[in-house]
Amino acid sequence: MASISSQQVLALAKALLDSAQQGNWQQLAQLDRQVACLMGQLGHEPKALAPAVAQLASAHGQARALAEQQMQRLQQTLNKHQDRQEGLRAYQQLEDF
């Protein structure tokens, strides 16, 4: 296994958060897979990597929160469209009557 540096972990943390902030959900999913792979490689991380791993965990949590907020916004938009569709169907039924 190749040695992993703090700089690599911090770069991954930055990329993860940047992708979430930009709404680049495909890239975020790819980076999330990289985080999972990295964490599997690290096992019990060396003490020297602990601060970088903590920052990665924080960035991951923030990215998750941003993704959750976007999902809620999209759900609200979908609900509004569904409500409008129901209203239009009800109106159409009245006209057909």
C-alpha atoms as a PDB file:
ATOM      1  CA  MET A   1       0.000   0.000   0.000  1.00  0.00           C
ATOM      2  CA  ALA A   2       1.326   3.437  -0.927  1.00  0.00           C
ATOM      3  CA  SER A   3       1.919   5.889   1.861  1.00  0.00           C
ATOM      4  CA  ILE A   4      -0.793   8.490   2.234  1.00  0.00           C
ATOM      5  CA  SER A   5       0.218  12.017   3.175  1.00  0.00           C
ATOM      6  CA  SER A   6      -1.644  14.629   5.173  1.00  0.00           C
ATOM      7  CA  GLN A   7      -1.611  16.826   2.072  1.00  0.00           C
ATOM      8  CA  GLN A   8      -3.467  14.166   0.080  1.00  0.00           C
ATOM      9  CA  VAL A   9      -6.089  13.799   2.795  1.00  0.00           C
ATOM     10  CA  LEU A  10      -6.505  17.579   3.068  1.00  0.00           C
ATOM     11  CA  ALA A  11      -6.765  17.913  -0.723  1.00  0.00           C
ATOM     12  CA  LEU A  12      -9.511  15.299  -0.727  1.00  0.00           C
ATOM     13  CA  ALA A  13     -11.323  17.155   2.064  1.00  0.00           C
ATOM     14  CA  LYS A  14     -11.141  20.415   0.108  1.00  0.00           C
ATOM     15  CA  ALA A  15     -12.312  18.796  -3.129  1.00  0.00           C
ATOM     16  CA  LEU A  16     -15.201  17.124  -1.305  1.00  0.00           C
ATOM     17  CA  LEU A  17     -16.422  20.378   0.217  1.00  0.00           C
ATOM     18  CA  ASP A  18     -15.855  22.377  -2.978  1.00  0.00           C
ATOM     19  CA  SER A  19     -17.931  19.891  -4.988  1.00  0.00           C
ATOM     20  CA  ALA A  20     -20.790  20.073  -2.494  1.00  0.00           C
ATOM     21  CA  GLN A  21     -20.714  23.866  -2.376  1.00  0.00           C
ATOM     22  CA  GLN A  22     -20.771  24.029  -6.179  1.00  0.00           C
ATOM     23  CA  GLY A  23     -23.586  21.493  -6.405  1.00  0.00           C
ATOM     24  CA  ASN A  24     -21.474  19.116  -8.455  1.00  0.00           C
ATOM     25  CA  TRP A  25     -23.230  16.006  -7.168  1.00  0.00           C
ATOM     26  CA  GLN A  26     -21.637  13.552  -9.606  1.00  0.00           C
ATOM     27  CA  GLN A  27     -18.151  14.626  -8.611  1.00  0.00           C
ATOM     28  CA  LEU A  28     -19.198  14.562  -4.956  1.00  0.00           C
ATOM     29  CA  ALA A  29     -20.333  10.940  -5.323  1.00  0.00           C
ATOM     30  CA  GLN A  30     -16.998  10.026  -6.906  1.00  0.00           C
ATOM     31  CA  LEU A  31     -15.072  11.775  -4.129  1.00  0.00           C
ATOM     32  CA  ASP A  32     -17.231  10.083  -1.518  1.00  0.00           C
ATOM     33  CA  ARG A  33     -16.176   6.723  -2.950  1.00  0.00           C
ATOM     34  CA  GLN A  34     -12.546   7.866  -2.750  1.00  0.00           C
ATOM     35  CA  VAL A  35     -13.051   8.787   0.908  1.00  0.00           C
ATOM     36  CA  ALA A  36     -14.458   5.328   1.623  1.00  0.00           C
ATOM     37  CA  CYS A  37     -11.522   3.697  -0.149  1.00  0.00           C
ATOM     38  CA  LEU A  38      -9.033   5.900   1.686  1.00  0.00           C
ATOM     39  CA  MET A  39     -10.567   5.144   5.055  1.00  0.00           C
ATOM     40  CA  GLY A  40     -10.374   1.451   4.254  1.00  0.00           C
ATOM     41  CA  GLN A  41      -6.695   1.799   3.401  1.00  0.00           C
ATOM     42  CA  LEU A  42      -5.910   3.768   6.524  1.00  0.00           C
ATOM     43  CA  GLY A  43      -7.500   1.449   9.048  1.00  0.00           C
ATOM     44  CA  HIS A  44      -6.130   2.921  12.238  1.00  0.00           C
ATOM     45  CA  GLU A  45      -4.482   6.048  10.897  1.00  0.00           C
ATOM     46  CA  PRO A  46      -1.047   7.058  12.084  1.00  0.00           C
ATOM     47  CA  LYS A  47      -1.131   9.827  14.661  1.00  0.00           C
ATOM     48  CA  ALA A  48       0.493  12.179  12.173  1.00  0.00           C
ATOM     49  CA  LEU A  49      -2.582  11.885   9.926  1.00  0.00           C
ATOM     50  CA  ALA A  50      -5.140  12.355  12.698  1.00  0.00           C
ATOM     51  CA  PRO A  51      -5.619  16.135  12.195  1.00  0.00           C
ATOM     52  CA  ALA A  52      -6.023  15.724   8.420  1.00  0.00           C
ATOM     53  CA  VAL A  53      -8.441  12.826   8.870  1.00  0.00           C
ATOM     54  CA  ALA A  54     -10.440  14.909  11.368  1.00  0.00           C
ATOM     55  CA  GLN A  55     -10.644  17.710   8.808  1.00  0.00           C
ATOM     56  CA  LEU A  56     -11.731  15.193   6.164  1.00  0.00           C
ATOM     57  CA  ALA A  57     -14.454  13.927   8.494  1.00  0.00           C
ATOM     58  CA  SER A  58     -15.627  17.496   9.082  1.00  0.00           C
ATOM     59  CA  ALA A  59     -15.676  18.262   5.339  1.00  0.00           C
ATOM     60  CA  HIS A  60     -17.557  15.030   4.721  1.00  0.00           C
ATOM     61  CA  GLY A  61     -20.182  16.004   7.296  1.00  0.00           C
ATOM     62  CA  GLN A  62     -20.567  19.460   5.769  1.00  0.00           C
ATOM     63  CA  ALA A  63     -20.869  17.981   2.282  1.00  0.00           C
ATOM     64  CA  ARG A  64     -23.541  15.587   3.529  1.00  0.00           C
ATOM     65  CA  ALA A  65     -25.454  18.476   5.086  1.00  0.00           C
ATOM     66  CA  LEU A  66     -25.316  20.449   1.828  1.00  0.00           C
ATOM     67  CA  ALA A  67     -26.508  17.428  -0.146  1.00  0.00           C
ATOM     68  CA  GLU A  68     -29.355  16.930   2.329  1.00  0.00           C
ATOM     69  CA  GLN A  69     -30.391  20.588   1.981  1.00  0.00           C
ATOM     70  CA  GLN A  70     -30.420  20.253  -1.805  1.00  0.00           C
ATOM     71  CA  MET A  71     -32.463  17.083  -1.570  1.00  0.00           C
ATOM     72  CA  GLN A  72     -35.015  18.878   0.626  1.00  0.00           C
ATOM     73  CA  ARG A  73     -35.213  21.796  -1.823  1.00  0.00           C
ATOM     74  CA  LEU A  74     -35.778  19.393  -4.703  1.00  0.00           C
ATOM     75  CA  GLN A  75     -38.440  17.527  -2.723  1.00  0.00           C
ATOM     76  CA  GLN A  76     -40.258  20.805  -2.019  1.00  0.00           C
ATOM     77  CA  THR A  77     -40.140  21.696  -5.710  1.00  0.00           C
ATOM     78  CA  LEU A  78     -41.444  18.262  -6.651  1.00  0.00           C
ATOM     79  CA  ASN A  79     -44.252  18.562  -4.099  1.00  0.00           C
ATOM     80  CA  LYS A  80     -45.269  21.950  -5.533  1.00  0.00           C
ATOM     81  CA  HIS A  81     -45.385  20.507  -9.044  1.00  0.00           C
ATOM     82  CA  GLN A  82     -47.441  17.552  -7.858  1.00  0.00           C
ATOM     83  CA  ASP A  83     -49.861  19.883  -6.067  1.00  0.00           C
ATOM     84  CA  ARG A  84     -50.259  21.944  -9.246  1.00  0.00           C
ATOM     85  CA  GLN A  85     -50.870  18.795 -11.274  1.00  0.00           C
ATOM     86  CA  GLU A  86     -53.587  17.714  -8.851  1.00  0.00           C
ATOM     87  CA  GLY A  87     -55.191  21.145  -9.080  1.00  0.00           C
ATOM     88  CA  LEU A  88     -55.086  21.077 -12.855  1.00  0.00           C
ATOM     89  CA  ARG A  89     -56.636  17.603 -12.913  1.00  0.00           C
ATOM     90  CA  ALA A  90     -59.422  18.723 -10.569  1.00  0.00           C
ATOM     91  CA  TYR A  91     -60.076  21.776 -12.752  1.00  0.00           C
ATOM     92  CA  GLN A  92     -60.104  19.634 -15.874  1.00  0.00           C
ATOM     93  CA  GLN A  93     -62.638  17.281 -14.286  1.00  0.00           C
ATOM     94  CA  LEU A  94     -64.881  20.256 -13.493  1.00  0.00           C
ATOM     95  CA  GLU A  95     -64.644  21.468 -17.071  1.00  0.00           C
ATOM     96  CA  ASP A  96     -65.433  17.982 -18.375  1.00  0.00           C
ATOM     97  CA  PHE A  97     -68.459  17.768 -16.110  1.00  0.00           C
END
